[in-house]
C-alpha atoms as a PDB file:
ATOM      1  CA  MET A   1       0.000   0.000   0.000  1.00  0.00           C
ATOM      2  CA  GLU A   2       2.723   2.383   0.953  1.00  0.00           C
ATOM      3  CA  ILE A   3       4.612   1.458  -2.194  1.00  0.00           C
ATOM      4  CA  GLY A   4       1.544   2.400  -4.242  1.00  0.00           C
ATOM      5  CA  PHE A   5       1.307   5.805  -2.601  1.00  0.00           C
ATOM      6  CA  VAL A   6       4.988   6.375  -3.237  1.00  0.00           C
ATOM      7  CA  ILE A   7       4.589   5.433  -6.886  1.00  0.00           C
ATOM      8  CA  ILE A   8       1.570   7.733  -7.295  1.00  0.00           C
ATOM      9  CA  ALA A   9       3.412  10.617  -5.610  1.00  0.00           C
ATOM     10  CA  ALA A  10       6.434  10.043  -7.804  1.00  0.00           C
ATOM     11  CA  VAL A  11       4.245  10.034 -10.926  1.00  0.00           C
ATOM     12  CA  ILE A  12       2.580  13.277  -9.818  1.00  0.00           C
ATOM     13  CA  ILE A  13       5.950  14.893  -9.165  1.00  0.00           C
ATOM     14  CA  ILE A  14       7.241  13.774 -12.540  1.00  0.00           C
ATOM     15  CA  LEU A  15       4.124  15.090 -14.275  1.00  0.00           C
ATOM     16  CA  LEU A  16       4.438  18.400 -12.483  1.00  0.00           C
ATOM     17  CA  ALA A  17       8.113  18.619 -13.396  1.00  0.00           C
ATOM     18  CA  VAL A  18       7.336  17.857 -17.024  1.00  0.00           C
ATOM     19  CA  GLU A  19       4.275  20.125 -17.268  1.00  0.00           C
ATOM     20  CA  TYR A  20       5.248  23.228 -15.269  1.00  0.00           C
ATOM     21  CA  ARG A  21       7.898  25.725 -16.332  1.00  0.00           C
ATOM     22  CA  ILE A  22       9.541  28.710 -14.663  1.00  0.00           C
ATOM     23  CA  LYS A  23       8.763  32.078 -16.213  1.00  0.00           C
ATOM     24  CA  LYS A  24      11.828  33.738 -17.719  1.00  0.00           C
ATOM     25  CA  PRO A  25      12.516  37.467 -17.920  1.00  0.00           C
ATOM     26  CA  GLY A  26      11.082  39.039 -21.077  1.00  0.00           C
ATOM     27  CA  GLN A  27       8.215  36.541 -21.385  1.00  0.00           C
ATOM     28  CA  ILE A  28       4.453  36.967 -21.282  1.00  0.00           C
ATOM     29  CA  ILE A  29       2.495  33.846 -20.265  1.00  0.00           C
ATOM     30  CA  LEU A  30      -1.014  33.817 -21.765  1.00  0.00           C
ATOM     31  CA  TYR A  31      -3.947  31.518 -21.010  1.00  0.00           C
ATOM     32  CA  GLU A  32      -7.610  31.353 -21.912  1.00  0.00           C
ATOM     33  CA  SER A  33     -10.364  31.558 -19.315  1.00  0.00           C
ATOM     34  CA  ASN A  34     -14.077  31.736 -20.125  1.00  0.00           C
ATOM     35  CA  GLY A  35     -13.381  32.851 -23.672  1.00  0.00           C
ATOM     36  CA  LEU A  36     -10.983  35.625 -22.569  1.00  0.00           C
ATOM     37  CA  VAL A  37      -7.246  35.709 -22.974  1.00  0.00           C
ATOM     38  CA  LYS A  38      -5.356  36.726 -19.850  1.00  0.00           C
ATOM     39  CA  TYR A  39      -1.742  36.701 -18.738  1.00  0.00           C
ATOM     40  CA  ARG A  40      -0.305  34.889 -15.754  1.00  0.00           C
ATOM     41  CA  LYS A  41       1.383  36.839 -13.009  1.00  0.00           C
ATOM     42  CA  SER A  42       2.971  33.855 -11.180  1.00  0.00           C
ATOM     43  CA  ASN A  43       6.466  32.616 -11.932  1.00  0.00           C
ATOM     44  CA  PHE A  44       5.257  29.042 -12.664  1.00  0.00           C
ATOM     45  CA  TYR A  45       2.946  28.061 -15.492  1.00  0.00           C
ATOM     46  CA  PRO A  46       1.635  24.824 -17.131  1.00  0.00           C
ATOM     47  CA  LYS A  47       3.249  24.253 -20.480  1.00  0.00           C
ATOM     48  CA  HIS A  48       0.300  22.754 -22.358  1.00  0.00           C
ATOM     49  CA  PHE A  49      -2.245  25.247 -21.078  1.00  0.00           C
ATOM     50  CA  SER A  50      -0.254  28.439 -21.745  1.00  0.00           C
ATOM     51  CA  LEU A  51       1.135  30.473 -24.630  1.00  0.00           C
ATOM     52  CA  VAL A  52       4.548  32.044 -24.223  1.00  0.00           C
ATOM     53  CA  ILE A  53       5.219  35.205 -26.269  1.00  0.00           C
ATOM     54  CA  PRO A  54       8.201  37.560 -26.019  1.00  0.00           C
ATOM     55  CA  ASN A  55       7.688  40.782 -24.144  1.00  0.00           C
ATOM     56  CA  THR A  56      10.178  42.627 -26.369  1.00  0.00           C
ATOM     57  CA  THR A  57      10.152  45.352 -28.959  1.00  0.00           C
ATOM     58  CA  TYR A  58       9.638  44.427 -32.577  1.00  0.00           C
ATOM     59  CA  THR A  59      10.797  46.842 -35.292  1.00  0.00           C
ATOM     60  CA  LEU A  60       9.224  46.755 -38.709  1.00  0.00           C
ATOM     61  CA  THR A  61      10.729  48.491 -41.743  1.00  0.00           C
ATOM     62  CA  SER A  62       8.490  48.943 -44.740  1.00  0.00           C
ATOM     63  CA  SER A  63       8.290  50.714 -48.102  1.00  0.00           C
ATOM     64  CA  VAL A  64       5.172  51.964 -49.893  1.00  0.00           C
ATOM     65  CA  GLU A  65       4.678  53.592 -53.309  1.00  0.00           C
ATOM     66  CA  PRO A  66       1.775  56.033 -53.045  1.00  0.00           C
ATOM     67  CA  GLU A  67       0.784  58.724 -55.532  1.00  0.00           C
ATOM     68  CA  VAL A  68       0.398  62.477 -55.183  1.00  0.00           C
ATOM     69  CA  LYS A  69      -1.756  64.841 -57.200  1.00  0.00           C
ATOM     70  CA  GLY A  70      -1.144  64.388 -60.910  1.00  0.00           C
ATOM     71  CA  LYS A  71      -0.600  60.650 -60.483  1.00  0.00           C
ATOM     72  CA  ILE A  72       3.087  61.127 -59.722  1.00  0.00           C
ATOM     73  CA  GLY A  73       4.545  58.166 -57.868  1.00  0.00           C
ATOM     74  CA  LEU A  74       6.492  58.349 -54.610  1.00  0.00           C
ATOM     75  CA  ILE A  75       8.605  55.947 -52.619  1.00  0.00           C
ATOM     76  CA  VAL A  76       8.067  56.314 -48.887  1.00  0.00           C
ATOM     77  CA  LYS A  77      10.124  54.286 -46.441  1.00  0.00           C
ATOM     78  CA  PHE A  78       9.183  54.153 -42.781  1.00  0.00           C
ATOM     79  CA  SER A  79       9.906  52.112 -39.666  1.00  0.00           C
ATOM     80  CA  VAL A  80       7.776  51.404 -36.617  1.00  0.00           C
ATOM     81  CA  SER A  81       8.660  49.774 -33.299  1.00  0.00           C
ATOM     82  CA  VAL A  82       5.916  47.992 -31.330  1.00  0.00           C
ATOM     83  CA  THR A  83       5.531  45.941 -28.186  1.00  0.00           C
ATOM     84  CA  PRO A  84       2.568  43.905 -26.832  1.00  0.00           C
ATOM     85  CA  SER A  85      -0.067  45.868 -24.907  1.00  0.00           C
ATOM     86  CA  LEU A  86      -0.979  43.953 -21.755  1.00  0.00           C
ATOM     87  CA  LYS A  87      -4.177  45.946 -21.371  1.00  0.00           C
ATOM     88  CA  ASN A  88      -5.386  44.824 -24.820  1.00  0.00           C
ATOM     89  CA  ILE A  89      -3.785  41.382 -25.003  1.00  0.00           C
ATOM     90  CA  SER A  90      -7.046  39.737 -26.137  1.00  0.00           C
ATOM     91  CA  LYS A  91      -7.146  41.965 -29.228  1.00  0.00           C
ATOM     92  CA  LEU A  92      -3.534  41.060 -29.975  1.00  0.00           C
ATOM     93  CA  ILE A  93      -4.407  37.337 -29.986  1.00  0.00           C
ATOM     94  CA  ARG A  94      -7.481  37.976 -32.115  1.00  0.00           C
ATOM     95  CA  ILE A  95      -5.375  39.802 -34.752  1.00  0.00           C
ATOM     96  CA  GLY A  96      -2.208  37.691 -34.650  1.00  0.00           C
ATOM     97  CA  GLY A  97      -3.629  34.311 -33.658  1.00  0.00           C
ATOM     98  CA  TRP A  98      -2.685  31.858 -30.919  1.00  0.00           C
ATOM     99  CA  GLY A  99       0.969  31.307 -31.674  1.00  0.00           C
ATOM    100  CA  LYS A 100       4.495  32.381 -30.840  1.00  0.00           C
ATOM    101  CA  ASP A 101       4.647  34.754 -33.822  1.00  0.00           C
ATOM    102  CA  VAL A 102       1.590  36.698 -32.718  1.00  0.00           C
ATOM    103  CA  LEU A 103       3.609  39.927 -32.316  1.00  0.00           C
ATOM    104  CA  ASN A 104       5.114  39.640 -35.815  1.00  0.00           C
ATOM    105  CA  ASP A 105       1.720  38.890 -37.378  1.00  0.00           C
ATOM    106  CA  ALA A 106       0.088  41.852 -35.604  1.00  0.00           C
ATOM    107  CA  ALA A 107       2.971  44.113 -36.710  1.00  0.00           C
ATOM    108  CA  LYS A 108       2.419  43.009 -40.327  1.00  0.00           C
ATOM    109  CA  GLU A 109      -1.233  43.918 -40.002  1.00  0.00           C
ATOM    110  CA  LEU A 110      -0.154  47.320 -38.663  1.00  0.00           C
ATOM    111  CA  ASP A 111       2.161  47.681 -41.675  1.00  0.00           C
ATOM    112  CA  VAL A 112      -0.765  47.230 -44.071  1.00  0.00           C
ATOM    113  CA  ILE A 113      -2.804  49.835 -42.196  1.00  0.00           C
ATOM    114  CA  LEU A 114       0.081  52.335 -42.153  1.00  0.00           C
ATOM    115  CA  GLN A 115       0.624  51.950 -45.883  1.00  0.00           C
ATOM    116  CA  GLY A 116      -3.029  52.818 -46.401  1.00  0.00           C
ATOM    117  CA  PHE A 117      -2.673  55.913 -44.215  1.00  0.00           C
ATOM    118  CA  VAL A 118       0.387  57.020 -46.201  1.00  0.00           C
ATOM    119  CA  LYS A 119      -1.513  56.730 -49.493  1.00  0.00           C
ATOM    120  CA  GLU A 120      -4.476  58.538 -47.979  1.00  0.00           C
ATOM    121  CA  TYR A 121      -2.218  61.436 -46.968  1.00  0.00           C
ATOM    122  CA  THR A 122      -0.146  61.835 -50.136  1.00  0.00           C
ATOM    123  CA  GLU A 123      -3.175  61.917 -52.473  1.00  0.00           C
ATOM    124  CA  ARG A 124      -4.160  65.270 -50.979  1.00  0.00           C
ATOM    125  CA  PHE A 125      -1.022  67.208 -51.888  1.00  0.00           C
ATOM    126  CA  ASP A 126       1.251  68.151 -54.754  1.00  0.00           C
ATOM    127  CA  ILE A 127       4.660  66.538 -54.845  1.00  0.00           C
ATOM    128  CA  GLU A 128       6.409  69.722 -53.681  1.00  0.00           C
ATOM    129  CA  GLU A 129       4.186  69.902 -50.602  1.00  0.00           C
ATOM    130  CA  ILE A 130       5.025  66.410 -49.329  1.00  0.00           C
ATOM    131  CA  LYS A 131       7.334  66.492 -46.294  1.00  0.00           C
ATOM    132  CA  SER A 132       8.549  63.713 -44.016  1.00  0.00           C
ATOM    133  CA  GLU A 133       7.381  65.606 -40.945  1.00  0.00           C
ATOM    134  CA  GLY A 134       3.859  65.957 -42.335  1.00  0.00           C
ATOM    135  CA  ILE A 135       3.542  62.243 -43.073  1.00  0.00           C
ATOM    136  CA  ALA A 136       4.948  61.261 -39.663  1.00  0.00           C
ATOM    137  CA  ASN A 137       2.601  63.588 -37.763  1.00  0.00           C
ATOM    138  CA  TYR A 138      -0.398  62.314 -39.746  1.00  0.00           C
ATOM    139  CA  LEU A 139       0.469  58.674 -39.053  1.00  0.00           C
ATOM    140  CA  ARG A 140       0.978  59.279 -35.337  1.00  0.00           C
ATOM    141  CA  ASP A 141      -2.466  60.838 -35.097  1.00  0.00           C
ATOM    142  CA  LYS A 142      -4.137  58.022 -37.031  1.00  0.00           C
ATOM    143  CA  VAL A 143      -2.520  55.081 -35.214  1.00  0.00           C
ATOM    144  CA  LYS A 144      -3.651  56.190 -31.753  1.00  0.00           C
ATOM    145  CA  GLU A 145      -6.886  54.283 -32.230  1.00  0.00           C
ATOM    146  CA  THR A 146      -5.356  51.563 -34.419  1.00  0.00           C
ATOM    147  CA  GLU A 147      -2.820  50.420 -31.848  1.00  0.00           C
ATOM    148  CA  LEU A 148      -5.602  49.792 -29.329  1.00  0.00           C
ATOM    149  CA  GLN A 149      -7.507  47.718 -31.843  1.00  0.00           C
ATOM    150  CA  LEU A 150      -4.440  45.632 -32.655  1.00  0.00           C
ATOM    151  CA  GLY A 151      -3.390  45.097 -29.055  1.00  0.00           C
ATOM    152  CA  LEU A 152      -0.060  46.832 -29.690  1.00  0.00           C
ATOM    153  CA  GLU A 153       1.796  49.698 -28.102  1.00  0.00           C
ATOM    154  CA  ILE A 154       3.733  51.793 -30.617  1.00  0.00           C
ATOM    155  CA  ILE A 155       7.104  52.856 -29.234  1.00  0.00           C
ATOM    156  CA  SER A 156       8.318  54.901 -32.213  1.00  0.00           C
ATOM    157  CA  LEU A 157       7.323  55.735 -35.771  1.00  0.00           C
ATOM    158  CA  THR A 158       9.718  57.448 -38.173  1.00  0.00           C
ATOM    159  CA  ILE A 159       9.744  58.309 -41.875  1.00  0.00           C
ATOM    160  CA  GLN A 160      13.129  57.308 -43.232  1.00  0.00           C
ATOM    161  CA  SER A 161      12.836  58.803 -46.722  1.00  0.00           C
ATOM    162  CA  VAL A 162      10.385  60.355 -49.175  1.00  0.00           C
ATOM    163  CA  GLU A 163      11.363  60.711 -52.824  1.00  0.00           C
ATOM    164  CA  PRO A 164       9.737  60.559 -56.277  1.00  0.00           C
ATOM    165  CA  ALA A 165       9.743  57.225 -58.034  1.00  0.00           C
ATOM    166  CA  ASP A 166      10.870  58.943 -61.256  1.00  0.00           C
ATOM    167  CA  LYS A 167      14.580  59.773 -60.965  1.00  0.00           C
ATOM    168  CA  LYS A 168      14.253  62.748 -63.327  1.00  0.00           C
ATOM    169  CA  ILE A 169      11.601  64.312 -61.123  1.00  0.00           C
ATOM    170  CA  ALA A 170      13.703  63.573 -58.051  1.00  0.00           C
ATOM    171  CA  GLU A 171      16.716  65.294 -59.654  1.00  0.00           C
ATOM    172  CA  ALA A 172      14.606  68.302 -60.663  1.00  0.00           C
ATOM    173  CA  ILE A 173      13.252  68.617 -57.129  1.00  0.00           C
ATOM    174  CA  ARG A 174      16.767  68.348 -55.687  1.00  0.00           C
ATOM    175  CA  GLN A 175      18.012  71.094 -58.020  1.00  0.00           C
ATOM    176  CA  LYS A 176      15.059  73.299 -57.137  1.00  0.00           C
ATOM    177  CA  GLU A 177      15.622  72.675 -53.452  1.00  0.00           C
ATOM    178  CA  ALA A 178      19.316  73.445 -53.864  1.00  0.00           C
ATOM    179  CA  SER A 179      18.439  76.716 -55.629  1.00  0.00           C
ATOM    180  CA  ARG A 180      16.003  77.586 -52.858  1.00  0.00           C
ATOM    181  CA  ILE A 181      18.614  76.881 -50.198  1.00  0.00           C
ATOM    182  CA  LEU A 182      21.194  78.998 -52.035  1.00  0.00           C
ATOM    183  CA  GLU A 183      18.682  81.811 -52.382  1.00  0.00           C
ATOM    184  CA  GLU A 184      17.791  81.668 -48.705  1.00  0.00           C
ATOM    185  CA  THR A 185      21.484  81.564 -47.837  1.00  0.00           C
ATOM    186  CA  GLU A 186      22.111  84.662 -49.943  1.00  0.00           C
ATOM    187  CA  LYS A 187      19.155  86.415 -48.308  1.00  0.00           C
ATOM    188  CA  ASN A 188      20.503  85.514 -44.898  1.00  0.00           C
ATOM    189  CA  ASN A 189      23.941  86.787 -45.894  1.00  0.00           C
ATOM    190  CA  GLN A 190      22.363  90.029 -47.084  1.00  0.00           C
ATOM    191  CA  LYS A 191      20.528  90.344 -43.771  1.00  0.00           C
ATOM    192  CA  VAL A 192      23.764  89.719 -41.894  1.00  0.00           C
ATOM    193  CA  ARG A 193      25.568  92.371 -43.966  1.00  0.00           C
ATOM    194  CA  ILE A 194      22.735  94.840 -43.437  1.00  0.00           C
ATOM    195  CA  GLN A 195      22.686  94.148 -39.710  1.00  0.00           C
ATOM    196  CA  THR A 196      26.465  94.523 -39.580  1.00  0.00           C
ATOM    197  CA  ALA A 197      26.256  97.849 -41.432  1.00  0.00           C
ATOM    198  CA  GLN A 198      23.489  99.023 -39.115  1.00  0.00           C
ATOM    199  CA  ILE A 199      25.503  98.050 -36.067  1.00  0.00           C
ATOM    200  CA  LYS A 200      28.565  99.855 -37.459  1.00  0.00           C
ATOM    201  CA  LEU A 201      26.475 102.939 -38.273  1.00  0.00           C
ATOM    202  CA  LYS A 202      25.005 102.939 -34.806  1.00  0.00           C
ATOM    203  CA  ALA A 203      28.469 102.533 -33.290  1.00  0.00           C
ATOM    204  CA  ASP A 204      29.803 105.436 -35.401  1.00  0.00           C
ATOM    205  CA  GLU A 205      26.877 107.603 -34.322  1.00  0.00           C
ATOM    206  CA  GLU A 206      27.528 106.768 -30.688  1.00  0.00           C
ATOM    207  CA  ILE A 207      31.237 107.526 -31.123  1.00  0.00           C
ATOM    208  CA  LEU A 208      30.428 110.896 -32.731  1.00  0.00           C
ATOM    209  CA  SER A 209      27.957 111.609 -29.958  1.00  0.00           C
ATOM    210  CA  TYR A 210      30.551 110.786 -27.305  1.00  0.00           C
ATOM    211  CA  GLU A 211      33.166 112.907 -29.087  1.00  0.00           C
ATOM    212  CA  HIS A 212      30.704 115.810 -29.270  1.00  0.00           C
ATOM    213  CA  GLN A 213      29.895 115.437 -25.594  1.00  0.00           C
ATOM    214  CA  LEU A 214      33.629 115.315 -24.833  1.00  0.00           C
ATOM    215  CA  ALA A 215      34.231 118.498 -26.854  1.00  0.00           C
ATOM    216  CA  LEU A 216      31.400 120.247 -25.002  1.00  0.00           C
ATOM    217  CA  LYS A 217      32.821 119.036 -21.727  1.00  0.00           C
ATOM    218  CA  LYS A 218      36.241 120.421 -22.640  1.00  0.00           C
ATOM    219  CA  ILE A 219      34.664 123.770 -23.542  1.00  0.00           C
ATOM    220  CA  GLN A 220      32.806 123.827 -20.251  1.00  0.00           C
ATOM    221  CA  LEU A 221      35.971 122.978 -18.344  1.00  0.00           C
ATOM    222  CA  LYS A 222      37.880 125.677 -20.251  1.00  0.00           C
ATOM    223  CA  GLU A 223      35.179 128.211 -19.461  1.00  0.00           C
ATOM    224  CA  ILE A 224      35.316 127.205 -15.811  1.00  0.00           C
ATOM    225  CA  GLU A 225      39.120 127.524 -15.855  1.00  0.00           C
ATOM    226  CA  GLU A 226      38.941 130.938 -17.545  1.00  0.00           C
ATOM    227  CA  ASP A 227      36.352 132.069 -14.999  1.00  0.00           C
ATOM    228  CA  LYS A 228      38.649 130.941 -12.206  1.00  0.00           C
ATOM    229  CA  GLU A 229      41.630 132.725 -13.798  1.00  0.00           C
ATOM    230  CA  ALA A 230      39.563 135.894 -14.284  1.00  0.00           C
ATOM    231  CA  SER A 231      38.333 135.668 -10.704  1.00  0.00           C
ATOM    232  CA  LEU A 232      41.930 135.190  -9.483  1.00  0.00           C
ATOM    233  CA  ALA A 233      43.176 138.114 -11.592  1.00  0.00           C
ATOM    234  CA  LEU A 234      40.374 140.312 -10.285  1.00  0.00           C
ATOM    235  CA  LYS A 235      41.211 139.225  -6.763  1.00  0.00           C
ATOM    236  CA  LYS A 236      44.894 140.103  -7.324  1.00  0.00           C
ATOM    237  CA  LEU A 237      43.890 143.458  -8.815  1.00  0.00           C
ATOM    238  CA  ASN A 238      41.682 144.192  -5.829  1.00  0.00           C
ATOM    239  CA  GLU A 239      44.520 143.250  -3.503  1.00  0.00           C
ATOM    240  CA  GLN A 240      46.902 145.518  -5.452  1.00  0.00           C
ATOM    241  CA  VAL A 241      44.381 148.368  -5.278  1.00  0.00           C
ATOM    242  CA  LYS A 242      44.038 147.820  -1.553  1.00  0.00           C
ATOM    243  CA  ARG A 243      47.843 147.845  -1.151  1.00  0.00           C
ATOM    244  CA  ASP A 244      48.121 150.978  -3.276  1.00  0.00           C
ATOM    245  CA  LYS A 245      45.433 152.672  -1.192  1.00  0.00           C
ATOM    246  CA  ILE A 246      47.229 151.709   2.006  1.00  0.00           C
ATOM    247  CA  LYS A 247      50.562 152.943   0.578  1.00  0.00           C
ATOM    248  CA  LEU A 248      48.920 156.172  -0.511  1.00  0.00           C
ATOM    249  CA  GLU A 249      47.470 156.676   2.949  1.00  0.00           C
ATOM    250  CA  ILE A 250      50.894 156.049   4.501  1.00  0.00           C
ATOM    251  CA  GLU A 251      52.523 158.553   2.115  1.00  0.00           C
ATOM    252  CA  LYS A 252      49.841 161.096   2.928  1.00  0.00           C
ATOM    253  CA  GLU A 253      50.545 160.649   6.634  1.00  0.00           C
ATOM    254  CA  GLU A 254      54.306 160.923   5.979  1.00  0.00           C
ATOM    255  CA  MET A 255      53.844 164.084   3.893  1.00  0.00           C
ATOM    256  CA  SER A 256      51.678 165.568   6.550  1.00  0.00           C
ATOM    257  CA  MET A 257      54.273 164.716   9.192  1.00  0.00           C
ATOM    258  CA  PHE A 258      57.221 166.019   7.113  1.00  0.00           C
ATOM    259  CA  LYS A 259      55.246 169.131   6.237  1.00  0.00           C
ATOM    260  CA  ASN A 260      54.671 169.905   9.859  1.00  0.00           C
ATOM    261  CA  ASN A 261      58.196 168.812  10.892  1.00  0.00           C
ATOM    262  CA  PRO A 262      60.693 169.381   8.008  1.00  0.00           C
ATOM    263  CA  GLU A 263      63.626 168.451  10.174  1.00  0.00           C
ATOM    264  CA  LEU A 264      62.431 164.857  10.102  1.00  0.00           C
ATOM    265  CA  LEU A 265      63.590 164.661   6.470  1.00  0.00           C
ATOM    266  CA  LEU A 266      67.104 164.265   7.810  1.00  0.00           C
ATOM    267  CA  LEU A 267      66.053 160.931   9.280  1.00  0.00           C
ATOM    268  CA  THR A 268      65.045 159.465   5.968  1.00  0.00           C
ATOM    269  CA  PRO A 269      67.289 156.655   4.543  1.00  0.00           C
ATOM    270  CA  GLN A 270      68.109 158.703   1.440  1.00  0.00           C
ATOM    271  CA  VAL A 271      69.421 161.665   3.421  1.00  0.00           C
ATOM    272  CA  ALA A 272      71.379 159.294   5.668  1.00  0.00           C
ATOM    273  CA  ARG A 273      73.145 157.829   2.627  1.00  0.00           C
ATOM    274  CA  LEU A 274      73.951 161.342   1.352  1.00  0.00           C
ATOM    275  CA  ALA A 275      75.418 162.244   4.729  1.00  0.00           C
ATOM    276  CA  GLU A 276      77.584 159.166   4.725  1.00  0.00           C
ATOM    277  CA  ALA A 277      78.835 159.957   1.223  1.00  0.00           C
ATOM    278  CA  SER A 278      79.678 163.545   2.242  1.00  0.00           C
ATOM    279  CA  GLN A 279      81.822 162.260   5.122  1.00  0.00           C
ATOM    280  CA  ASN A 280      83.883 160.138   2.719  1.00  0.00           C
ATOM    281  CA  LEU A 281      84.399 163.151   0.419  1.00  0.00           C
ATOM    282  CA  LYS A 282      85.454 165.851   2.886  1.00  0.00           C
ATOM    283  CA  ASN A 283      87.170 168.193   0.408  1.00  0.00           C
ATOM    284  CA  ALA A 284      84.854 167.593  -2.499  1.00  0.00           C
ATOM    285  CA  ARG A 285      81.547 169.120  -3.286  1.00  0.00           C
ATOM    286  CA  THR A 286      78.824 166.773  -2.298  1.00  0.00           C
ATOM    287  CA  ILE A 287      76.712 165.668  -5.205  1.00  0.00           C
ATOM    288  CA  VAL A 288      73.171 165.239  -4.089  1.00  0.00           C
ATOM    289  CA  SER A 289      71.232 162.635  -6.053  1.00  0.00           C
ATOM    290  CA  LEU A 290      67.551 162.260  -5.562  1.00  0.00           C
ATOM    291  CA  GLY A 291      67.215 159.268  -7.858  1.00  0.00           C
ATOM    292  CA  ASP A 292      66.306 157.024  -4.984  1.00  0.00           C
ATOM    293  CA  PHE A 293      63.142 159.025  -4.501  1.00  0.00           C
ATOM    294  CA  GLU A 294      60.098 158.396  -6.562  1.00  0.00           C
ATOM    295  CA  SER A 295      59.752 160.926  -9.349  1.00  0.00           C
ATOM    296  CA  GLY A 296      57.007 163.510  -8.789  1.00  0.00           C
ATOM    297  CA  SER A 297      56.390 162.577  -5.173  1.00  0.00           C
ATOM    298  CA  GLN A 298      55.680 165.260  -2.577  1.00  0.00           C
ATOM    299  CA  LEU A 299      58.557 163.932  -0.486  1.00  0.00           C
ATOM    300  CA  VAL A 300      61.000 164.902  -3.256  1.00  0.00           C
ATOM    301  CA  GLU A 301      59.582 168.383  -3.499  1.00  0.00           C
ATOM    302  CA  MET A 302      59.728 168.850   0.245  1.00  0.00           C
ATOM    303  CA  LEU A 303      63.292 167.542   0.333  1.00  0.00           C
ATOM    304  CA  LYS A 304      64.297 169.888  -2.463  1.00  0.00           C
ATOM    305  CA  ASN A 305      62.792 172.833  -0.665  1.00  0.00           C
ATOM    306  CA  PHE A 306      64.424 171.781   2.575  1.00  0.00           C
ATOM    307  CA  LEU A 307      67.865 171.393   0.964  1.00  0.00           C
ATOM    308  CA  GLY A 308      67.410 174.671  -0.882  1.00  0.00           C
ATOM    309  CA  GLY A 309      66.720 176.391   2.390  1.00  0.00           C
ATOM    310  CA  LEU A 310      69.862 174.896   3.943  1.00  0.00           C
ATOM    311  CA  LEU A 311      72.006 176.098   0.996  1.00  0.00           C
ATOM    312  CA  GLN A 312      70.675 179.633   1.263  1.00  0.00           C
ATOM    313  CA  LEU A 313      71.363 179.626   4.984  1.00  0.00           C
ATOM    314  CA  SER A 314      74.915 178.398   4.333  1.00  0.00           C
ATOM    315  CA  ASN A 315      75.584 181.104   1.728  1.00  0.00           C
ATOM    316  CA  THR A 316      74.259 183.789   4.035  1.00  0.00           C
ATOM    317  CA  LYS A 317      76.674 182.733   6.741  1.00  0.00           C
ATOM    318  CA  LYS A 318      79.569 182.926   4.333  1.00  0.00           C
END
């Protein structure tokens, strides 16, 4: 009995070991329950009752040949990167089927839809109006609803190239674009030259303005200096006038004193020098020089009168 239980337990363990697997990183484990597809969150899953799909990014590169107005053909190359959407995993299985390549199959379905959107967009415009940015923006707006319906999450969508299918038209467009770029470059160069000239003109005007202000400042400083010099000269003149007035007052007092006391003339420095000279020339006639006196002064006249009186007195005694 015990051997039977052991055998049954061993069989169960073997079955479990054969049936159950450990979930690996980057895997999504799907199962069906009541007609709905769900994903397992546990790390162990039964092999025969689950579908393992990669939880990675799949990049699809495609090329489409739409037409623009005038039935001119284009070649548009684009690439799109997608990953499974766990929120809409049932829709992914419905589009791609129950299999390991469900992500690739759903991406191919997305490719067909995107090609249709590209053709829908290009038919509205002339060939010169078609731009990569316009196509990319249009596709991103359109696939917002599509990715939910396909059970995908779009990671990136880029337009790799857009060019006419006819090489002659492509060359003509390239030449026209080159001419446009050269023209814009020349216009930009002209703008730069004009701006440079304007900046130089403005700088010259500012320099002239500063030079004019400097010249005015120099004139103002010169006027201030001249005013100071004139004020100083006037001050000196006033001082000289004051000194002359004081000197005149002193002379008036001296004249008044000598007039009242003529004998005081003998005490003047000039008369003292004459007396000293007369002592050195005892036997010679004394030459009286009045050059030391100021010409026309009252002191000279008084001295002359005084000396004249002394000479008369001396002659009378003789």
